[in-house]
């Protein structure tokens, strides 16, 4: 694979970046392609950096799988403790919603087979 393609593969899709950016801008605002490209590069680097620190933690603990706690610890280590707390709350809510949905699906499946 070419180096240029490999570099692009590690980036979030630019359309997604634009949608996220647009959410926080006033309705009449516009963004240049350069602005989206720059944010795309920054976000990708940030994800790689956080993941690298989480991976180092796993290596030290002789584990092969990065989990949510590893990401939260990496954010804290990087000085993003406030953000880590927000992410932790969001993550716990997401896990609870998924568990409730799975329980509801299982209950619905049992009721249908009776």
PDB file of N, CA and C in Angstrom:
ATOM      1  N   UNK A   1       0.842  -1.175   0.000  1.00  0.00           N
ATOM      2  CA  UNK A   1       0.000   0.000   0.000  1.00  0.00           C
ATOM      3  C   UNK A   1       0.888   1.240   0.000  1.00  0.00           C
ATOM      4  N   UNK A   2       0.499   2.255  -0.758  1.00  0.00           N
ATOM      5  CA  UNK A   2       1.276   3.479  -0.803  1.00  0.00           C
ATOM      6  C   UNK A   2       1.228   4.200   0.527  1.00  0.00           C
ATOM      7  N   UNK A   3       2.293   4.955   0.837  1.00  0.00           N
ATOM      8  CA  UNK A   3       2.357   5.690   2.103  1.00  0.00           C
ATOM      9  C   UNK A   3       1.237   6.712   2.201  1.00  0.00           C
ATOM     10  N   UNK A   4       0.904   7.404   1.110  1.00  0.00           N
ATOM     11  CA  UNK A   4      -0.162   8.401   1.115  1.00  0.00           C
ATOM     12  C   UNK A   4      -1.508   7.789   1.469  1.00  0.00           C
ATOM     13  N   UNK A   5      -1.814   6.627   0.931  1.00  0.00           N
ATOM     14  CA  UNK A   5      -3.075   5.945   1.235  1.00  0.00           C
ATOM     15  C   UNK A   5      -3.100   5.468   2.680  1.00  0.00           C
ATOM     16  N   UNK A   6      -1.966   4.974   3.155  1.00  0.00           N
ATOM     17  CA  UNK A   6      -1.891   4.501   4.536  1.00  0.00           C
ATOM     18  C   UNK A   6      -2.162   5.659   5.499  1.00  0.00           C
ATOM     19  N   UNK A   7      -1.617   6.835   5.190  1.00  0.00           N
ATOM     20  CA  UNK A   7      -1.818   8.014   6.025  1.00  0.00           C
ATOM     21  C   UNK A   7      -3.291   8.417   6.027  1.00  0.00           C
ATOM     22  N   UNK A   8      -3.948   8.361   4.881  1.00  0.00           N
ATOM     23  CA  UNK A   8      -5.365   8.720   4.800  1.00  0.00           C
ATOM     24  C   UNK A   8      -6.233   7.707   5.537  1.00  0.00           C
ATOM     25  N   UNK A   9      -5.832   6.449   5.568  1.00  0.00           N
ATOM     26  CA  UNK A   9      -6.610   5.410   6.238  1.00  0.00           C
ATOM     27  C   UNK A   9      -6.695   5.632   7.744  1.00  0.00           C
ATOM     28  N   UNK A  10      -5.752   6.363   8.311  1.00  0.00           N
ATOM     29  CA  UNK A  10      -5.763   6.577   9.751  1.00  0.00           C
ATOM     30  C   UNK A  10      -6.587   7.794  10.159  1.00  0.00           C
ATOM     31  N   UNK A  11      -7.155   8.501   9.191  1.00  0.00           N
ATOM     32  CA  UNK A  11      -7.961   9.682   9.469  1.00  0.00           C
ATOM     33  C   UNK A  11      -9.444   9.351   9.511  1.00  0.00           C
ATOM     34  N   UNK A  12     -10.159  10.088  10.339  1.00  0.00           N
ATOM     35  CA  UNK A  12     -11.614  10.003  10.327  1.00  0.00           C
ATOM     36  C   UNK A  12     -12.111  10.596   9.016  1.00  0.00           C
ATOM     37  N   UNK A  13     -13.243  10.125   8.517  1.00  0.00           N
ATOM     38  CA  UNK A  13     -13.769  10.682   7.263  1.00  0.00           C
ATOM     39  C   UNK A  13     -14.023  12.192   7.381  1.00  0.00           C
ATOM     40  N   UNK A  14     -13.599  12.938   6.374  1.00  0.00           N
ATOM     41  CA  UNK A  14     -13.709  14.391   6.401  1.00  0.00           C
ATOM     42  C   UNK A  14     -15.166  14.836   6.506  1.00  0.00           C
ATOM     43  N   UNK A  15     -16.095  14.074   5.942  1.00  0.00           N
ATOM     44  CA  UNK A  15     -17.522  14.427   6.045  1.00  0.00           C
ATOM     45  C   UNK A  15     -17.974  14.388   7.505  1.00  0.00           C
ATOM     46  N   UNK A  16     -17.511  13.403   8.249  1.00  0.00           N
ATOM     47  CA  UNK A  16     -17.857  13.312   9.674  1.00  0.00           C
ATOM     48  C   UNK A  16     -17.266  14.486  10.452  1.00  0.00           C
ATOM     49  N   UNK A  17     -16.035  14.841  10.124  1.00  0.00           N
ATOM     50  CA  UNK A  17     -15.381  15.978  10.775  1.00  0.00           C
ATOM     51  C   UNK A  17     -16.209  17.240  10.526  1.00  0.00           C
ATOM     52  N   UNK A  18     -16.607  17.441   9.281  1.00  0.00           N
ATOM     53  CA  UNK A  18     -17.408  18.620   8.936  1.00  0.00           C
ATOM     54  C   UNK A  18     -18.722  18.673   9.686  1.00  0.00           C
ATOM     55  N   UNK A  19     -19.389  17.534   9.824  1.00  0.00           N
ATOM     56  CA  UNK A  19     -20.666  17.483  10.561  1.00  0.00           C
ATOM     57  C   UNK A  19     -20.470  17.832  12.029  1.00  0.00           C
ATOM     58  N   UNK A  20     -19.419  17.310  12.624  1.00  0.00           N
ATOM     59  CA  UNK A  20     -19.141  17.596  14.035  1.00  0.00           C
ATOM     60  C   UNK A  20     -18.822  19.076  14.217  1.00  0.00           C
ATOM     61  N   UNK A  21     -18.002  19.612  13.350  1.00  0.00           N
ATOM     62  CA  UNK A  21     -17.649  21.031  13.444  1.00  0.00           C
ATOM     63  C   UNK A  21     -18.879  21.910  13.267  1.00  0.00           C
ATOM     64  N   UNK A  22     -19.737  21.548  12.343  1.00  0.00           N
ATOM     65  CA  UNK A  22     -20.927  22.348  12.032  1.00  0.00           C
ATOM     66  C   UNK A  22     -21.873  22.427  13.233  1.00  0.00           C
ATOM     67  N   UNK A  23     -21.912  21.388  14.054  1.00  0.00           N
ATOM     68  CA  UNK A  23     -22.795  21.373  15.231  1.00  0.00           C
ATOM     69  C   UNK A  23     -22.527  22.528  16.186  1.00  0.00           C
ATOM     70  N   UNK A  24     -21.273  22.947  16.299  1.00  0.00           N
ATOM     71  CA  UNK A  24     -20.929  23.980  17.276  1.00  0.00           C
ATOM     72  C   UNK A  24     -20.831  25.375  16.674  1.00  0.00           C
ATOM     73  N   UNK A  25     -20.948  25.469  15.369  1.00  0.00           N
ATOM     74  CA  UNK A  25     -20.865  26.765  14.707  1.00  0.00           C
ATOM     75  C   UNK A  25     -22.257  27.369  14.533  1.00  0.00           C
ATOM     76  N   UNK A  26     -22.344  28.697  14.507  1.00  0.00           N
ATOM     77  CA  UNK A  26     -23.633  29.331  14.211  1.00  0.00           C
ATOM     78  C   UNK A  26     -24.137  28.888  12.829  1.00  0.00           C
ATOM     79  N   UNK A  27     -25.445  28.919  12.653  1.00  0.00           N
ATOM     80  CA  UNK A  27     -26.051  28.429  11.406  1.00  0.00           C
ATOM     81  C   UNK A  27     -25.503  29.105  10.155  1.00  0.00           C
ATOM     82  N   UNK A  28     -25.161  30.367  10.228  1.00  0.00           N
ATOM     83  CA  UNK A  28     -24.708  31.083   9.036  1.00  0.00           C
ATOM     84  C   UNK A  28     -23.202  30.973   8.794  1.00  0.00           C
ATOM     85  N   UNK A  29     -22.508  30.152   9.583  1.00  0.00           N
ATOM     86  CA  UNK A  29     -21.059  29.995   9.447  1.00  0.00           C
ATOM     87  C   UNK A  29     -20.712  29.032   8.324  1.00  0.00           C
ATOM     88  N   UNK A  30     -19.516  29.233   7.792  1.00  0.00           N
ATOM     89  CA  UNK A  30     -18.986  28.328   6.780  1.00  0.00           C
ATOM     90  C   UNK A  30     -17.582  27.921   7.192  1.00  0.00           C
ATOM     91  N   UNK A  31     -17.125  26.782   6.669  1.00  0.00           N
ATOM     92  CA  UNK A  31     -15.780  26.282   6.960  1.00  0.00           C
ATOM     93  C   UNK A  31     -15.049  26.052   5.646  1.00  0.00           C
ATOM     94  N   UNK A  32     -13.777  26.371   5.647  1.00  0.00           N
ATOM     95  CA  UNK A  32     -12.987  26.071   4.456  1.00  0.00           C
ATOM     96  C   UNK A  32     -12.540  24.614   4.513  1.00  0.00           C
ATOM     97  N   UNK A  33     -12.166  24.081   3.380  1.00  0.00           N
ATOM     98  CA  UNK A  33     -11.631  22.721   3.320  1.00  0.00           C
ATOM     99  C   UNK A  33     -10.358  22.638   4.162  1.00  0.00           C
ATOM    100  N   UNK A  34      -9.558  23.701   4.131  1.00  0.00           N
ATOM    101  CA  UNK A  34      -8.323  23.716   4.934  1.00  0.00           C
ATOM    102  C   UNK A  34      -8.622  23.564   6.415  1.00  0.00           C
ATOM    103  N   UNK A  35      -9.679  24.229   6.890  1.00  0.00           N
ATOM    104  CA  UNK A  35     -10.043  24.138   8.310  1.00  0.00           C
ATOM    105  C   UNK A  35     -10.432  22.702   8.658  1.00  0.00           C
ATOM    106  N   UNK A  36     -11.243  22.074   7.800  1.00  0.00           N
ATOM    107  CA  UNK A  36     -11.650  20.680   8.045  1.00  0.00           C
ATOM    108  C   UNK A  36     -10.449  19.749   7.995  1.00  0.00           C
ATOM    109  N   UNK A  37      -9.564  19.981   7.024  1.00  0.00           N
ATOM    110  CA  UNK A  37      -8.363  19.145   6.906  1.00  0.00           C
ATOM    111  C   UNK A  37      -7.483  19.260   8.150  1.00  0.00           C
ATOM    112  N   UNK A  38      -7.339  20.472   8.654  1.00  0.00           N
ATOM    113  CA  UNK A  38      -6.502  20.690   9.833  1.00  0.00           C
ATOM    114  C   UNK A  38      -7.093  20.010  11.063  1.00  0.00           C
ATOM    115  N   UNK A  39      -8.406  20.149  11.243  1.00  0.00           N
ATOM    116  CA  UNK A  39      -9.054  19.486  12.381  1.00  0.00           C
ATOM    117  C   UNK A  39      -8.957  17.972  12.220  1.00  0.00           C
ATOM    118  N   UNK A  40      -9.122  17.476  11.007  1.00  0.00           N
ATOM    119  CA  UNK A  40      -8.998  16.039  10.753  1.00  0.00           C
ATOM    120  C   UNK A  40      -7.616  15.535  11.173  1.00  0.00           C
ATOM    121  N   UNK A  41      -6.585  16.266  10.819  1.00  0.00           N
ATOM    122  CA  UNK A  41      -5.217  15.877  11.178  1.00  0.00           C
ATOM    123  C   UNK A  41      -5.019  15.929  12.690  1.00  0.00           C
ATOM    124  N   UNK A  42      -5.518  17.001  13.333  1.00  0.00           N
ATOM    125  CA  UNK A  42      -5.377  17.147  14.788  1.00  0.00           C
ATOM    126  C   UNK A  42      -6.094  16.023  15.533  1.00  0.00           C
ATOM    127  N   UNK A  43      -7.307  15.728  15.135  1.00  0.00           N
ATOM    128  CA  UNK A  43      -8.094  14.683  15.790  1.00  0.00           C
ATOM    129  C   UNK A  43      -7.419  13.327  15.626  1.00  0.00           C
ATOM    130  N   UNK A  44      -6.926  13.074  14.436  1.00  0.00           N
ATOM    131  CA  UNK A  44      -6.255  11.793  14.182  1.00  0.00           C
ATOM    132  C   UNK A  44      -4.989  11.660  15.029  1.00  0.00           C
ATOM    133  N   UNK A  45      -4.212  12.720  15.121  1.00  0.00           N
ATOM    134  CA  UNK A  45      -3.007  12.693  15.949  1.00  0.00           C
ATOM    135  C   UNK A  45      -3.354  12.496  17.419  1.00  0.00           C
ATOM    136  N   UNK A  46      -4.404  13.172  17.874  1.00  0.00           N
ATOM    137  CA  UNK A  46      -4.828  13.053  19.268  1.00  0.00           C
ATOM    138  C   UNK A  46      -5.233  11.614  19.575  1.00  0.00           C
ATOM    139  N   UNK A  47      -6.007  11.006  18.686  1.00  0.00           N
ATOM    140  CA  UNK A  47      -6.439   9.613  18.880  1.00  0.00           C
ATOM    141  C   UNK A  47      -5.223   8.685  18.923  1.00  0.00           C
ATOM    142  N   UNK A  48      -4.289   8.896  18.026  1.00  0.00           N
ATOM    143  CA  UNK A  48      -3.074   8.060  18.012  1.00  0.00           C
ATOM    144  C   UNK A  48      -2.279   8.240  19.302  1.00  0.00           C
ATOM    145  N   UNK A  49      -2.183   9.463  19.774  1.00  0.00           N
ATOM    146  CA  UNK A  49      -1.422   9.761  20.988  1.00  0.00           C
ATOM    147  C   UNK A  49      -2.058   9.091  22.203  1.00  0.00           C
ATOM    148  N   UNK A  50      -3.377   9.266  22.368  1.00  0.00           N
ATOM    149  CA  UNK A  50      -4.085   8.661  23.501  1.00  0.00           C
ATOM    150  C   UNK A  50      -4.002   7.140  23.424  1.00  0.00           C
ATOM    151  N   UNK A  51      -4.188   6.591  22.244  1.00  0.00           N
ATOM    152  CA  UNK A  51      -4.127   5.140  22.070  1.00  0.00           C
ATOM    153  C   UNK A  51      -2.734   4.605  22.374  1.00  0.00           C
ATOM    154  N   UNK A  52      -1.712   5.341  21.982  1.00  0.00           N
ATOM    155  CA  UNK A  52      -0.341   4.922  22.262  1.00  0.00           C
ATOM    156  C   UNK A  52      -0.057   4.848  23.753  1.00  0.00           C
ATOM    157  N   UNK A  53      -0.536   5.832  24.491  1.00  0.00           N
ATOM    158  CA  UNK A  53      -0.341   5.826  25.941  1.00  0.00           C
ATOM    159  C   UNK A  53      -1.122   4.679  26.574  1.00  0.00           C
ATOM    160  N   UNK A  54      -2.340   4.441  26.101  1.00  0.00           N
ATOM    161  CA  UNK A  54      -3.136   3.317  26.612  1.00  0.00           C
ATOM    162  C   UNK A  54      -2.445   1.994  26.288  1.00  0.00           C
ATOM    163  N   UNK A  55      -1.870   1.895  25.098  1.00  0.00           N
ATOM    164  CA  UNK A  55      -1.167   0.666  24.702  1.00  0.00           C
ATOM    165  C   UNK A  55       0.062   0.440  25.572  1.00  0.00           C
ATOM    166  N   UNK A  56       0.765   1.514  25.910  1.00  0.00           N
ATOM    167  CA  UNK A  56       1.929   1.389  26.804  1.00  0.00           C
ATOM    168  C   UNK A  56       1.503   0.820  28.152  1.00  0.00           C
ATOM    169  N   UNK A  57       0.372   1.289  28.655  1.00  0.00           N
ATOM    170  CA  UNK A  57      -0.146   0.779  29.932  1.00  0.00           C
ATOM    171  C   UNK A  57      -0.427  -0.721  29.824  1.00  0.00           C
ATOM    172  N   UNK A  58      -1.044  -1.114  28.727  1.00  0.00           N
ATOM    173  CA  UNK A  58      -1.345  -2.541  28.530  1.00  0.00           C
ATOM    174  C   UNK A  58      -0.062  -3.365  28.461  1.00  0.00           C
ATOM    175  N   UNK A  59       0.925  -2.850  27.769  1.00  0.00           N
ATOM    176  CA  UNK A  59       2.193  -3.563  27.644  1.00  0.00           C
ATOM    177  C   UNK A  59       2.841  -3.747  29.015  1.00  0.00           C
ATOM    178  N   UNK A  60       2.837  -2.699  29.826  1.00  0.00           N
ATOM    179  CA  UNK A  60       3.425  -2.779  31.168  1.00  0.00           C
ATOM    180  C   UNK A  60       2.689  -3.799  32.034  1.00  0.00           C
ATOM    181  N   UNK A  61       1.364  -3.914  31.807  1.00  0.00           N
ATOM    182  CA  UNK A  61       0.552  -4.857  32.585  1.00  0.00           C
ATOM    183  C   UNK A  61       0.422  -6.215  31.897  1.00  0.00           C
ATOM    184  N   UNK A  62       1.205  -6.398  30.819  1.00  0.00           N
ATOM    185  CA  UNK A  62       1.232  -7.661  30.069  1.00  0.00           C
ATOM    186  C   UNK A  62      -0.158  -8.073  29.571  1.00  0.00           C
ATOM    187  N   UNK A  63      -0.893  -7.069  29.040  1.00  0.00           N
ATOM    188  CA  UNK A  63      -2.198  -7.322  28.440  1.00  0.00           C
ATOM    189  C   UNK A  63      -2.121  -6.976  26.964  1.00  0.00           C
ATOM    190  N   UNK A  64      -2.994  -7.573  26.179  1.00  0.00           N
ATOM    191  CA  UNK A  64      -3.007  -7.320  24.740  1.00  0.00           C
ATOM    192  C   UNK A  64      -4.199  -6.482  24.292  1.00  0.00           C
ATOM    193  N   UNK A  65      -5.165  -6.298  25.166  1.00  0.00           N
ATOM    194  CA  UNK A  65      -6.394  -5.603  24.783  1.00  0.00           C
ATOM    195  C   UNK A  65      -6.529  -4.289  25.535  1.00  0.00           C
ATOM    196  N   UNK A  66      -6.707  -3.210  24.765  1.00  0.00           N
ATOM    197  CA  UNK A  66      -6.957  -1.897  25.352  1.00  0.00           C
ATOM    198  C   UNK A  66      -8.443  -1.824  25.695  1.00  0.00           C
ATOM    199  N   UNK A  67      -8.754  -1.357  26.911  1.00  0.00           N
ATOM    200  CA  UNK A  67     -10.166  -1.212  27.290  1.00  0.00           C
ATOM    201  C   UNK A  67     -10.469   0.255  27.592  1.00  0.00           C
ATOM    202  N   UNK A  68     -11.717   0.540  27.896  1.00  0.00           N
ATOM    203  CA  UNK A  68     -12.143   1.905  28.167  1.00  0.00           C
ATOM    204  C   UNK A  68     -11.386   2.544  29.310  1.00  0.00           C
ATOM    205  N   UNK A  69     -11.091   1.772  30.345  1.00  0.00           N
ATOM    206  CA  UNK A  69     -10.356   2.304  31.485  1.00  0.00           C
ATOM    207  C   UNK A  69      -8.956   2.747  31.074  1.00  0.00           C
ATOM    208  N   UNK A  70      -8.341   2.029  30.148  1.00  0.00           N
ATOM    209  CA  UNK A  70      -7.015   2.407  29.656  1.00  0.00           C
ATOM    210  C   UNK A  70      -7.070   3.774  28.961  1.00  0.00           C
ATOM    211  N   UNK A  71      -8.114   3.993  28.181  1.00  0.00           N
ATOM    212  CA  UNK A  71      -8.276   5.269  27.483  1.00  0.00           C
ATOM    213  C   UNK A  71      -8.497   6.392  28.496  1.00  0.00           C
ATOM    214  N   UNK A  72      -9.348   6.141  29.491  1.00  0.00           N
ATOM    215  CA  UNK A  72      -9.606   7.155  30.514  1.00  0.00           C
ATOM    216  C   UNK A  72      -8.332   7.501  31.289  1.00  0.00           C
ATOM    217  N   UNK A  73      -7.553   6.496  31.630  1.00  0.00           N
ATOM    218  CA  UNK A  73      -6.288   6.732  32.353  1.00  0.00           C
ATOM    219  C   UNK A  73      -5.312   7.519  31.475  1.00  0.00           C
ATOM    220  N   UNK A  74      -5.294   7.211  30.186  1.00  0.00           N
ATOM    221  CA  UNK A  74      -4.412   7.944  29.271  1.00  0.00           C
ATOM    222  C   UNK A  74      -4.826   9.413  29.197  1.00  0.00           C
ATOM    223  N   UNK A  75      -6.117   9.677  29.119  1.00  0.00           N
ATOM    224  CA  UNK A  75      -6.604  11.059  29.097  1.00  0.00           C
ATOM    225  C   UNK A  75      -6.195  11.796  30.369  1.00  0.00           C
ATOM    226  N   UNK A  76      -6.331  11.118  31.508  1.00  0.00           N
ATOM    227  CA  UNK A  76      -5.933  11.733  32.776  1.00  0.00           C
ATOM    228  C   UNK A  76      -4.427  12.005  32.797  1.00  0.00           C
ATOM    229  N   UNK A  77      -3.667  11.051  32.335  1.00  0.00           N
ATOM    230  CA  UNK A  77      -2.207  11.187  32.313  1.00  0.00           C
ATOM    231  C   UNK A  77      -1.789  12.367  31.437  1.00  0.00           C
ATOM    232  N   UNK A  78      -2.551  12.638  30.395  1.00  0.00           N
ATOM    233  CA  UNK A  78      -2.234  13.736  29.490  1.00  0.00           C
ATOM    234  C   UNK A  78      -2.742  15.090  29.984  1.00  0.00           C
ATOM    235  N   UNK A  79      -3.395  15.086  31.150  1.00  0.00           N
ATOM    236  CA  UNK A  79      -3.896  16.345  31.695  1.00  0.00           C
ATOM    237  C   UNK A  79      -5.330  16.668  31.300  1.00  0.00           C
ATOM    238  N   UNK A  80      -6.040  15.684  30.807  1.00  0.00           N
ATOM    239  CA  UNK A  80      -7.431  15.876  30.399  1.00  0.00           C
ATOM    240  C   UNK A  80      -8.386  15.218  31.394  1.00  0.00           C
ATOM    241  N   UNK A  81      -8.119  15.374  32.686  1.00  0.00           N
ATOM    242  CA  UNK A  81      -8.914  14.705  33.719  1.00  0.00           C
ATOM    243  C   UNK A  81     -10.385  15.116  33.637  1.00  0.00           C
ATOM    244  N   UNK A  82     -10.643  16.395  33.416  1.00  0.00           N
ATOM    245  CA  UNK A  82     -12.028  16.866  33.323  1.00  0.00           C
ATOM    246  C   UNK A  82     -12.740  16.208  32.139  1.00  0.00           C
ATOM    247  N   UNK A  83     -12.058  16.122  31.030  1.00  0.00           N
ATOM    248  CA  UNK A  83     -12.634  15.480  29.848  1.00  0.00           C
ATOM    249  C   UNK A  83     -12.803  13.977  30.072  1.00  0.00           C
ATOM    250  N   UNK A  84     -11.844  13.386  30.754  1.00  0.00           N
ATOM    251  CA  UNK A  84     -11.923  11.950  31.043  1.00  0.00           C
ATOM    252  C   UNK A  84     -13.170  11.643  31.864  1.00  0.00           C
ATOM    253  N   UNK A  85     -13.495  12.515  32.801  1.00  0.00           N
ATOM    254  CA  UNK A  85     -14.684  12.308  33.633  1.00  0.00           C
ATOM    255  C   UNK A  85     -15.953  12.388  32.783  1.00  0.00           C
ATOM    256  N   UNK A  86     -16.009  13.328  31.871  1.00  0.00           N
ATOM    257  CA  UNK A  86     -17.166  13.453  30.978  1.00  0.00           C
ATOM    258  C   UNK A  86     -17.289  12.206  30.108  1.00  0.00           C
ATOM    259  N   UNK A  87     -16.172  11.739  29.581  1.00  0.00           N
ATOM    260  CA  UNK A  87     -16.168  10.536  28.742  1.00  0.00           C
ATOM    261  C   UNK A  87     -16.586   9.312  29.559  1.00  0.00           C
ATOM    262  N   UNK A  88     -16.112   9.235  30.810  1.00  0.00           N
ATOM    263  CA  UNK A  88     -16.476   8.105  31.679  1.00  0.00           C
ATOM    264  C   UNK A  88     -17.989   8.060  31.891  1.00  0.00           C
ATOM    265  N   UNK A  89     -18.596   9.202  32.190  1.00  0.00           N
ATOM    266  CA  UNK A  89     -20.050   9.263  32.404  1.00  0.00           C
ATOM    267  C   UNK A  89     -20.789   8.845  31.137  1.00  0.00           C
ATOM    268  N   UNK A  90     -20.363   9.367  29.994  1.00  0.00           N
ATOM    269  CA  UNK A  90     -20.976   9.002  28.718  1.00  0.00           C
ATOM    270  C   UNK A  90     -20.837   7.503  28.467  1.00  0.00           C
ATOM    271  N   UNK A  91     -19.646   6.971  28.685  1.00  0.00           N
ATOM    272  CA  UNK A  91     -19.380   5.560  28.442  1.00  0.00           C
ATOM    273  C   UNK A  91     -20.248   4.668  29.340  1.00  0.00           C
ATOM    274  N   UNK A  92     -20.362   5.031  30.615  1.00  0.00           N
ATOM    275  CA  UNK A  92     -21.200   4.250  31.536  1.00  0.00           C
ATOM    276  C   UNK A  92     -22.666   4.269  31.104  1.00  0.00           C
ATOM    277  N   UNK A  93     -23.147   5.416  30.651  1.00  0.00           N
ATOM    278  CA  UNK A  93     -24.530   5.506  30.155  1.00  0.00           C
ATOM    279  C   UNK A  93     -24.730   4.631  28.924  1.00  0.00           C
ATOM    280  N   UNK A  94     -23.759   4.668  28.025  1.00  0.00           N
ATOM    281  CA  UNK A  94     -23.839   3.872  26.796  1.00  0.00           C
ATOM    282  C   UNK A  94     -23.878   2.378  27.130  1.00  0.00           C
ATOM    283  N   UNK A  95     -23.018   1.942  28.036  1.00  0.00           N
ATOM    284  CA  UNK A  95     -22.981   0.535  28.442  1.00  0.00           C
ATOM    285  C   UNK A  95     -24.312   0.137  29.083  1.00  0.00           C
ATOM    286  N   UNK A  96     -24.863   1.010  29.927  1.00  0.00           N
ATOM    287  CA  UNK A  96     -26.146   0.717  30.582  1.00  0.00           C
ATOM    288  C   UNK A  96     -27.273   0.630  29.556  1.00  0.00           C
ATOM    289  N   UNK A  97     -27.278   1.535  28.570  1.00  0.00           N
ATOM    290  CA  UNK A  97     -28.301   1.502  27.529  1.00  0.00           C
ATOM    291  C   UNK A  97     -28.196   0.230  26.692  1.00  0.00           C
ATOM    292  N   UNK A  98     -26.987  -0.172  26.366  1.00  0.00           N
ATOM    293  CA  UNK A  98     -26.795  -1.395  25.588  1.00  0.00           C
ATOM    294  C   UNK A  98     -27.237  -2.626  26.381  1.00  0.00           C
ATOM    295  N   UNK A  99     -26.947  -2.628  27.677  1.00  0.00           N
ATOM    296  CA  UNK A  99     -27.362  -3.753  28.522  1.00  0.00           C
ATOM    297  C   UNK A  99     -28.880  -3.812  28.615  1.00  0.00           C
ATOM    298  N   UNK A 100     -29.521  -2.651  28.752  1.00  0.00           N
ATOM    299  CA  UNK A 100     -30.987  -2.612  28.823  1.00  0.00           C
ATOM    300  C   UNK A 100     -31.605  -3.067  27.502  1.00  0.00           C
ATOM    301  N   UNK A 101     -31.021  -2.649  26.390  1.00  0.00           N
ATOM    302  CA  UNK A 101     -31.523  -3.056  25.078  1.00  0.00           C
ATOM    303  C   UNK A 101     -31.364  -4.560  24.877  1.00  0.00           C
ATOM    304  N   UNK A 102     -30.237  -5.105  25.317  1.00  0.00           N
ATOM    305  CA  UNK A 102     -30.006  -6.546  25.192  1.00  0.00           C
ATOM    306  C   UNK A 102     -30.987  -7.321  26.062  1.00  0.00           C
ATOM    307  N   UNK A 103     -31.239  -6.818  27.279  1.00  0.00           N
ATOM    308  CA  UNK A 103     -32.199  -7.479  28.173  1.00  0.00           C
ATOM    309  C   UNK A 103     -33.602  -7.430  27.589  1.00  0.00           C
ATOM    310  N   UNK A 104     -33.956  -6.297  27.011  1.00  0.00           N
ATOM    311  CA  UNK A 104     -35.286  -6.165  26.398  1.00  0.00           C
ATOM    312  C   UNK A 104     -35.425  -7.094  25.202  1.00  0.00           C
ATOM    313  N   UNK A 105     -34.381  -7.204  24.410  1.00  0.00           N
ATOM    314  CA  UNK A 105     -34.402  -8.098  23.249  1.00  0.00           C
ATOM    315  C   UNK A 105     -34.506  -9.544  23.693  1.00  0.00           C
ATOM    316  N   UNK A 106     -33.782  -9.896  24.746  1.00  0.00           N
ATOM    317  CA  UNK A 106     -33.838 -11.269  25.258  1.00  0.00           C
ATOM    318  C   UNK A 106     -35.224 -11.567  25.823  1.00  0.00           C
ATOM    319  N   UNK A 107     -35.805 -10.614  26.525  1.00  0.00           N
ATOM    320  CA  UNK A 107     -37.152 -10.805  27.078  1.00  0.00           C
ATOM    321  C   UNK A 107     -38.187 -10.909  25.969  1.00  0.00           C
ATOM    322  N   UNK A 108     -38.020 -10.116  24.927  1.00  0.00           N
ATOM    323  CA  UNK A 108     -38.927 -10.176  23.783  1.00  0.00           C
ATOM    324  C   UNK A 108     -38.807 -11.486  23.054  1.00  0.00           C
ATOM    325  N   UNK A 109     -37.603 -11.998  22.927  1.00  0.00           N
ATOM    326  CA  UNK A 109     -37.383 -13.292  22.263  1.00  0.00           C
ATOM    327  C   UNK A 109     -37.972 -14.438  23.037  1.00  0.00           C
ATOM    328  N   UNK A 110     -37.895 -14.372  24.381  1.00  0.00           N
ATOM    329  CA  UNK A 110     -38.460 -15.432  25.215  1.00  0.00           C
ATOM    330  C   UNK A 110     -39.972 -15.404  25.140  1.00  0.00           C
ATOM    331  N   UNK A 111     -40.572 -14.191  25.120  1.00  0.00           N
ATOM    332  CA  UNK A 111     -42.020 -14.072  25.077  1.00  0.00           C
ATOM    333  C   UNK A 111     -42.553 -14.598  23.739  1.00  0.00           C
ATOM    334  N   UNK A 112     -41.790 -14.389  22.663  1.00  0.00           N
ATOM    335  CA  UNK A 112     -42.225 -14.832  21.345  1.00  0.00           C
ATOM    336  C   UNK A 112     -42.163 -16.357  21.210  1.00  0.00           C
ATOM    337  N   UNK A 113     -41.286 -17.004  21.973  1.00  0.00           N
ATOM    338  CA  UNK A 113     -41.141 -18.465  21.851  1.00  0.00           C
ATOM    339  C   UNK A 113     -42.094 -19.218  22.763  1.00  0.00           C
ATOM    340  N   UNK A 114     -42.803 -18.522  23.623  1.00  0.00           N
ATOM    341  CA  UNK A 114     -43.710 -19.215  24.546  1.00  0.00           C
ATOM    342  C   UNK A 114     -44.991 -19.576  23.898  1.00  0.00           C
TER     343      UNK A 114
END
